[in-house]
C-alpha atoms as a PDB file:
ATOM      1  CA  MET A   1     -54.407  43.618  48.948  1.00  0.00           C
ATOM      2  CA  THR A   2     -55.153  45.373  45.718  1.00  0.00           C
ATOM      3  CA  GLN A   3     -57.371  43.885  43.011  1.00  0.00           C
ATOM      4  CA  GLN A   4     -54.307  43.238  40.901  1.00  0.00           C
ATOM      5  CA  GLU A   5     -52.616  41.331  43.732  1.00  0.00           C
ATOM      6  CA  LEU A   6     -55.750  39.258  44.282  1.00  0.00           C
ATOM      7  CA  TYR A   7     -55.932  38.301  40.610  1.00  0.00           C
ATOM      8  CA  LYS A   8     -52.292  37.169  40.672  1.00  0.00           C
ATOM      9  CA  ALA A   9     -52.505  35.249  43.980  1.00  0.00           C
ATOM     10  CA  LYS A  10     -51.384  31.625  43.881  1.00  0.00           C
ATOM     11  CA  ASN A  11     -54.148  30.490  46.223  1.00  0.00           C
ATOM     12  CA  PRO A  12     -57.352  29.919  44.179  1.00  0.00           C
ATOM     13  CA  ASP A  13     -59.560  30.776  47.170  1.00  0.00           C
ATOM     14  CA  LEU A  14     -57.819  34.114  47.538  1.00  0.00           C
ATOM     15  CA  ARG A  15     -58.236  34.812  43.814  1.00  0.00           C
ATOM     16  CA  ALA A  16     -61.975  34.145  44.088  1.00  0.00           C
ATOM     17  CA  SER A  17     -62.448  36.196  47.261  1.00  0.00           C
ATOM     18  CA  LEU A  18     -63.041  39.536  45.514  1.00  0.00           C
ATOM     19  CA  ALA A  19     -65.863  38.131  43.388  1.00  0.00           C
ATOM     20  CA  ALA A  20     -67.369  36.489  46.477  1.00  0.00           C
ATOM     21  CA  MET A  21     -67.301  39.789  48.369  1.00  0.00           C
ATOM     22  CA  GLN A  22     -68.962  41.560  45.447  1.00  0.00           C
ATOM     23  CA  ARG A  23     -71.723  38.916  45.318  1.00  0.00           C
ATOM     24  CA  ALA A  24     -72.252  39.238  49.071  1.00  0.00           C
ATOM     25  CA  ALA A  25     -72.495  43.031  48.822  1.00  0.00           C
ATOM     26  CA  GLU A  26     -75.104  42.788  46.073  1.00  0.00           C
ATOM     27  CA  LEU A  27     -77.113  40.280  48.089  1.00  0.00           C
ATOM     28  CA  ALA A  28     -76.959  42.614  51.107  1.00  0.00           C
ATOM     29  CA  ARG A  29     -78.302  45.461  48.955  1.00  0.00           C
ATOM     30  CA  GLN A  30     -81.143  43.299  47.641  1.00  0.00           C
ATOM     31  CA  THR A  31     -82.043  42.104  51.142  1.00  0.00           C
ATOM     32  CA  ALA A  32     -82.058  45.670  52.480  1.00  0.00           C
ATOM     33  CA  ILE A  33     -84.413  46.730  49.688  1.00  0.00           C
ATOM     34  CA  LEU A  34     -86.760  43.791  50.291  1.00  0.00           C
ATOM     35  CA  THR A  35     -86.850  44.349  54.047  1.00  0.00           C
ATOM     36  CA  ASN A  36     -86.820  48.152  53.844  1.00  0.00           C
ATOM     37  CA  THR A  37     -83.759  48.406  56.068  1.00  0.00           C
ATOM     38  CA  GLU A  38     -80.435  50.217  55.867  1.00  0.00           C
ATOM     39  CA  ILE A  39     -77.061  48.818  55.013  1.00  0.00           C
ATOM     40  CA  ILE A  40     -74.005  50.091  56.804  1.00  0.00           C
ATOM     41  CA  VAL A  41     -70.755  50.613  54.929  1.00  0.00           C
ATOM     42  CA  VAL A  42     -67.452  52.333  55.552  1.00  0.00           C
ATOM     43  CA  ARG A  43     -66.542  55.075  53.093  1.00  0.00           C
ATOM     44  CA  ASN A  44     -63.363  57.085  53.461  1.00  0.00           C
ATOM     45  CA  GLY A  45     -62.949  55.695  56.966  1.00  0.00           C
ATOM     46  CA  LYS A  46     -66.417  56.792  58.112  1.00  0.00           C
ATOM     47  CA  VAL A  47     -69.431  54.634  58.895  1.00  0.00           C
ATOM     48  CA  VAL A  48     -72.286  55.469  56.527  1.00  0.00           C
ATOM     49  CA  ARG A  49     -75.897  54.249  56.709  1.00  0.00           C
ATOM     50  CA  ILE A  50     -77.606  53.825  53.358  1.00  0.00           C
ATOM     51  CA  PRO A  51     -81.401  53.577  53.522  1.00  0.00           C
ATOM     52  CA  ALA A  52     -83.369  51.191  51.317  1.00  0.00           C
ATOM     53  CA  GLU A  53     -84.959  54.140  49.508  1.00  0.00           C
ATOM     54  CA  GLN A  54     -81.536  55.312  48.348  1.00  0.00           C
ATOM     55  CA  LEU A  55     -80.621  51.770  47.292  1.00  0.00           C
ATOM     56  CA  ARG A  56     -83.828  51.519  45.259  1.00  0.00           C
ATOM     57  CA  MET A  57     -82.923  54.682  43.366  1.00  0.00           C
ATOM     58  CA  GLY A  58     -79.459  53.299  42.644  1.00  0.00           C
ATOM     59  CA  GLU A  59     -77.651  56.087  44.457  1.00  0.00           C
ATOM     60  CA  ALA A  60     -75.513  53.863  46.667  1.00  0.00           C
END
């Protein structure tokens, strides 16, 4: 679903899901920085590891 479709969804849980995913992603970044570990994301269909150092510098 696109962001626009999520915002227009009739189900309130579905409408709130994008914000929840964004909060979870931010918490994952913060945890990776605190524990000096990588996060793993998919960008353009490829798995990418982002080290804590890069997260600290705000490059991710």
